[in-house]
Amino acid sequence: MIYDYNNADYDSIYNFLLNDLFLTNPCFNDGETADQTWEKFLTPIHKAIELFVPTKIVCPPVRVSRRSKYRPRHIRRALNKKRHLWRLHCKNKTLLSKSQYEKQSAYVKKLIFDYQKQTEQSFIKQANLGTFYRFINSKLSCKSGVGPLKSPSGDITIDGPEKAELLNNYFASIFTVDDGKLPLFNQRVKNDVFMSHVDFSSCDIAKVIANLKNTRTVDLHGFNNIFIKCLRFVLAKPLSMIYSYILFHWHYS
């Protein structure tokens, strides 16, 4: 179940957000953290989504584990004829149609066997060990996984959690231990150089939002770019004030 932003009632969302006191005139309390300020900004937006954005059920896409196998033209023609004879047999249900289908099925099976045999012989004649192993690996049903591991005591383990613990302990043993000392970083500007103000213009923020890609992928807050772009004029002003507060009134306090 996901939100269908393409069919949202943006006029109602726009009016709802314009009537919210925080978004129209953001005010900040002393000592308010950046997370608390951001949550006050998100609360009316999430409320508007619940009221005016419909939901829809999305079925997960069917993943094809392997690409369809390549077949030469003569095999593809034989397979098409086999499917045609099968449809005729399902329609007529006669001994003749069944016999024709079985004959064609055996012929297709022989063609595929001969083609596979020819392919394998070509890999052998190449006398290339890398090509041969790549061909063998392509035929394996399981290409991933961690095999049995030996513990420091010399025991062989095949248990999943135990293998994970062994690998974790090994990787941790080769990490560099933090000594707590910060590297020396020379100052690149003079002591009288500092940043006193950054102008977060609502017009500039609206332009940045307008240039976002039209993607339907949602972010961590459950929004996508199309939804944000449709509401950029009502969100630009509170965003500019929130950015200024977070950067100066809280970060440098």
Protein backbone atom coordinates (compact mmCIF):
# COMPACT_ATOMS: atom_id res chain seq x y z
CA MET A 1 0.00 0.00 0.00
CA ILE A 2 1.56 3.28 -1.13
CA TYR A 3 0.37 6.85 -1.65
CA ASP A 4 -0.77 7.71 -5.17
CA TYR A 5 0.72 11.21 -5.56
CA ASN A 6 -0.29 11.38 -9.22
CA ASN A 7 -3.99 11.48 -8.27
CA ALA A 8 -3.65 13.66 -5.18
CA ASP A 9 -5.94 16.66 -4.58
CA TYR A 10 -3.23 19.31 -4.71
CA ASP A 11 -5.66 22.23 -4.46
CA SER A 12 -6.95 20.95 -1.14
CA ILE A 13 -3.40 20.21 0.05
CA TYR A 14 -2.32 23.72 -0.93
CA ASN A 15 -5.22 25.32 0.97
CA PHE A 16 -4.66 23.08 3.99
CA LEU A 17 -0.99 24.03 4.24
CA LEU A 18 -1.74 27.74 3.78
CA ASN A 19 -4.02 27.58 6.84
CA ASP A 20 -1.33 26.00 9.01
CA LEU A 21 0.12 28.55 11.44
CA PHE A 22 3.63 27.12 11.53
CA LEU A 23 4.06 26.96 7.75
CA THR A 24 2.65 30.45 7.15
CA ASN A 25 4.58 32.08 10.01
CA PRO A 26 7.20 29.76 11.52
CA CYS A 27 8.10 30.51 15.12
CA PHE A 28 10.81 28.77 17.10
CA ASN A 29 11.14 28.20 20.82
CA ASP A 30 14.37 28.85 22.68
CA GLY A 31 16.46 25.70 22.96
CA GLU A 32 14.47 23.88 20.30
CA THR A 33 16.63 21.32 18.54
CA ALA A 34 16.94 20.90 14.80
CA ASP A 35 15.04 17.60 14.93
CA GLN A 36 12.16 19.18 16.84
CA THR A 37 11.96 22.06 14.37
CA TRP A 38 11.99 19.70 11.39
CA GLU A 39 9.28 17.55 12.96
CA LYS A 40 7.03 20.64 13.36
CA PHE A 41 7.53 21.29 9.65
CA LEU A 42 6.70 17.70 8.62
CA THR A 43 3.62 17.24 10.84
CA PRO A 44 1.13 19.33 8.78
CA ILE A 45 2.47 17.88 5.53
CA HIS A 46 1.90 14.31 6.72
CA LYS A 47 -1.57 15.31 7.90
CA ALA A 48 -2.40 16.74 4.47
CA ILE A 49 -1.17 13.54 2.81
CA GLU A 50 -3.45 11.42 4.97
CA LEU A 51 -6.45 13.62 4.09
CA PHE A 52 -6.00 14.33 0.39
CA VAL A 53 -3.67 11.71 -1.12
CA PRO A 54 -5.29 8.38 -2.09
CA THR A 55 -3.55 5.07 -1.61
CA LYS A 56 -3.12 2.20 -4.00
CA ILE A 57 -1.95 -1.38 -3.86
CA VAL A 58 1.17 -2.14 -5.86
CA CYS A 59 2.06 -5.72 -6.66
CA PRO A 60 5.79 -6.44 -6.58
CA PRO A 61 7.28 -6.95 -10.04
CA VAL A 62 7.98 -10.45 -11.15
CA ARG A 63 11.70 -10.91 -11.29
CA VAL A 64 13.18 -13.14 -13.92
CA SER A 65 16.19 -14.89 -12.45
CA ARG A 66 17.75 -15.68 -15.80
CA ARG A 67 17.57 -14.30 -19.25
CA SER A 68 15.83 -16.39 -21.84
CA LYS A 69 18.19 -18.86 -23.43
CA TYR A 70 19.46 -18.17 -26.91
CA ARG A 71 18.21 -20.64 -29.50
CA PRO A 72 19.35 -20.87 -33.14
CA ARG A 73 16.79 -20.09 -35.80
CA HIS A 74 16.14 -23.70 -36.74
CA ILE A 75 15.39 -24.59 -33.11
CA ARG A 76 13.09 -21.60 -32.67
CA ARG A 77 11.16 -22.65 -35.79
CA ALA A 78 10.87 -26.20 -34.49
CA LEU A 79 9.63 -24.89 -31.11
CA ASN A 80 7.01 -22.74 -32.83
CA LYS A 81 5.81 -25.73 -34.81
CA LYS A 82 5.67 -27.79 -31.62
CA ARG A 83 3.49 -25.14 -29.91
CA HIS A 84 1.26 -25.00 -33.00
CA LEU A 85 0.77 -28.78 -32.97
CA TRP A 86 0.00 -28.67 -29.26
CA ARG A 87 -2.74 -26.11 -29.79
CA LEU A 88 -4.20 -28.26 -32.58
CA HIS A 89 -4.15 -31.31 -30.33
CA CYS A 90 -5.86 -29.42 -27.50
CA LYS A 91 -8.55 -28.37 -29.98
CA ASN A 92 -9.11 -31.66 -31.85
CA LYS A 93 -8.07 -34.34 -29.33
CA THR A 94 -7.38 -36.95 -32.02
CA LEU A 95 -4.77 -39.71 -32.20
CA LEU A 96 -3.29 -38.15 -35.33
CA SER A 97 -2.78 -34.76 -33.70
CA LYS A 98 -1.27 -36.40 -30.62
CA SER A 99 1.11 -38.46 -32.76
CA GLN A 100 2.21 -35.40 -34.72
CA TYR A 101 2.87 -33.46 -31.51
CA GLU A 102 4.88 -36.27 -29.91
CA LYS A 103 6.95 -36.68 -33.07
CA GLN A 104 7.70 -32.96 -33.21
CA SER A 105 8.46 -32.89 -29.48
CA ALA A 106 11.03 -35.67 -29.85
CA TYR A 107 12.55 -33.85 -32.83
CA VAL A 108 12.88 -30.60 -30.82
CA LYS A 109 14.46 -32.47 -27.92
CA LYS A 110 17.07 -33.96 -30.28
CA LEU A 111 17.82 -30.56 -31.83
CA ILE A 112 18.38 -28.99 -28.39
CA PHE A 113 20.56 -31.90 -27.29
CA ASP A 114 22.72 -31.68 -30.44
CA TYR A 115 23.06 -27.89 -30.03
CA GLN A 116 24.13 -28.20 -26.39
CA LYS A 117 26.59 -30.93 -27.31
CA GLN A 118 28.08 -28.77 -30.04
CA THR A 119 28.37 -25.82 -27.65
CA GLU A 120 30.16 -27.84 -24.98
CA GLN A 121 32.56 -29.33 -27.53
CA SER A 122 33.43 -25.84 -28.77
CA PHE A 123 34.43 -24.80 -25.22
CA ILE A 124 36.60 -27.90 -24.88
CA LYS A 125 38.33 -27.32 -28.23
CA GLN A 126 39.21 -23.75 -27.26
CA ALA A 127 41.56 -25.10 -24.57
CA ASN A 128 40.97 -21.95 -22.53
CA LEU A 129 40.75 -22.71 -18.81
CA GLY A 130 39.07 -19.39 -17.90
CA THR A 131 36.38 -19.79 -20.55
CA PHE A 132 35.79 -23.36 -19.47
CA TYR A 133 35.32 -22.44 -15.80
CA ARG A 134 33.01 -19.54 -16.68
CA PHE A 135 30.87 -21.93 -18.67
CA ILE A 136 30.80 -24.44 -15.79
CA ASN A 137 29.89 -21.71 -13.27
CA SER A 138 27.04 -20.55 -15.50
CA LYS A 139 25.53 -24.02 -15.22
CA LEU A 140 25.69 -24.18 -11.43
CA SER A 141 22.40 -23.74 -9.59
CA CYS A 142 23.96 -22.03 -6.56
CA LYS A 143 26.51 -19.30 -7.25
CA SER A 144 26.65 -17.65 -3.83
CA GLY A 145 27.02 -18.64 -0.22
CA VAL A 146 29.70 -19.19 2.39
CA GLY A 147 31.11 -22.66 2.73
CA PRO A 148 32.16 -24.39 5.95
CA LEU A 149 34.59 -22.38 8.09
CA LYS A 150 37.26 -23.44 10.59
CA SER A 151 37.10 -21.85 14.02
CA PRO A 152 40.26 -20.81 15.95
CA SER A 153 39.94 -24.06 17.91
CA GLY A 154 40.14 -26.04 14.68
CA ASP A 155 36.50 -27.14 14.57
CA ILE A 156 34.59 -27.01 11.29
CA THR A 157 31.28 -25.14 11.50
CA ILE A 158 28.42 -25.02 9.03
CA ASP A 159 25.95 -23.11 11.21
CA GLY A 160 24.94 -19.73 9.72
CA PRO A 161 25.13 -17.58 12.90
CA GLU A 162 28.42 -19.19 13.92
CA LYS A 163 29.93 -18.51 10.50
CA ALA A 164 28.74 -14.90 10.66
CA GLU A 165 30.34 -14.51 14.10
CA LEU A 166 33.63 -16.00 12.86
CA LEU A 167 33.73 -13.63 9.87
CA ASN A 168 32.81 -10.65 12.05
CA ASN A 169 35.58 -11.45 14.54
CA TYR A 170 38.12 -11.83 11.75
CA PHE A 171 37.27 -8.54 10.05
CA ALA A 172 37.26 -6.76 13.42
CA SER A 173 40.71 -8.16 14.20
CA ILE A 174 42.29 -6.51 11.16
CA PHE A 175 40.69 -3.08 11.69
CA THR A 176 42.80 -0.17 12.89
CA VAL A 177 42.02 0.70 16.50
CA ASP A 178 41.17 4.38 16.97
CA ASP A 179 43.73 6.02 19.26
CA GLY A 180 41.49 9.03 19.88
CA LYS A 181 43.99 11.50 18.44
CA LEU A 182 42.76 13.95 15.82
CA PRO A 183 45.09 14.73 12.90
CA LEU A 184 46.63 18.18 12.74
CA PHE A 185 44.70 20.46 10.37
CA ASN A 186 46.27 23.79 9.61
CA GLN A 187 43.97 26.79 9.53
CA ARG A 188 43.50 28.05 5.97
CA VAL A 189 41.99 31.46 6.69
CA LYS A 190 42.82 34.29 9.05
CA ASN A 191 41.28 34.55 12.49
CA ASP A 192 39.15 37.54 11.49
CA VAL A 193 37.48 35.59 8.68
CA PHE A 194 34.16 34.06 9.69
CA MET A 195 30.67 33.45 8.35
CA SER A 196 28.11 35.78 9.86
CA HIS A 197 25.14 35.31 7.57
CA VAL A 198 23.82 33.08 4.79
CA ASP A 199 20.77 34.19 2.86
CA PHE A 200 18.32 31.33 2.36
CA SER A 201 16.04 33.00 -0.18
CA SER A 202 12.61 31.45 -0.65
CA CYS A 203 12.87 32.23 -4.38
CA ASP A 204 16.16 30.34 -4.65
CA ILE A 205 14.73 27.39 -2.74
CA ALA A 206 11.70 27.30 -5.06
CA LYS A 207 14.03 27.30 -8.07
CA VAL A 208 16.07 24.44 -6.65
CA ILE A 209 12.91 22.42 -6.01
CA ALA A 210 11.66 23.15 -9.54
CA ASN A 211 14.88 21.71 -10.99
CA LEU A 212 14.50 18.38 -9.20
CA LYS A 213 14.12 15.31 -11.40
CA ASN A 214 10.57 14.03 -11.84
CA THR A 215 11.13 10.78 -10.01
CA ARG A 216 8.43 8.76 -8.25
CA THR A 217 10.86 7.25 -5.75
CA VAL A 218 9.96 8.33 -2.22
CA ASP A 219 12.52 9.65 0.24
CA LEU A 220 12.90 8.87 3.94
CA HIS A 221 9.92 11.09 4.79
CA GLY A 222 7.62 9.38 2.28
CA PHE A 223 7.63 12.19 -0.32
CA ASN A 224 8.65 12.05 -3.96
CA ASN A 225 9.97 14.88 -6.10
CA ILE A 226 6.74 15.34 -8.03
CA PHE A 227 4.84 15.94 -4.78
CA ILE A 228 7.43 18.44 -3.52
CA LYS A 229 7.56 20.31 -6.84
CA CYS A 230 3.78 20.77 -6.85
CA LEU A 231 3.96 22.40 -3.41
CA ARG A 232 7.20 24.34 -3.81
CA PHE A 233 5.59 27.78 -3.50
CA VAL A 234 3.97 27.01 -0.16
CA LEU A 235 7.04 25.18 1.20
CA ALA A 236 9.80 27.56 0.07
CA LYS A 237 9.18 30.26 2.69
CA PRO A 238 9.06 28.03 5.80
CA LEU A 239 12.07 26.08 4.51
CA SER A 240 14.13 29.27 4.18
CA MET A 241 13.30 30.29 7.76
CA ILE A 242 13.94 26.79 9.13
CA TYR A 243 17.33 26.61 7.42
CA SER A 244 18.34 29.97 8.88
CA TYR A 245 17.26 28.98 12.38
CA ILE A 246 18.98 25.58 12.29
CA LEU A 247 22.25 26.99 10.92
CA PHE A 248 22.64 30.09 13.09
CA HIS A 249 20.24 30.22 16.04
CA TRP A 250 20.81 26.59 17.04
CA HIS A 251 24.03 25.30 15.49
CA TYR A 252 26.17 28.25 16.55
CA SER A 253 24.47 28.80 19.91
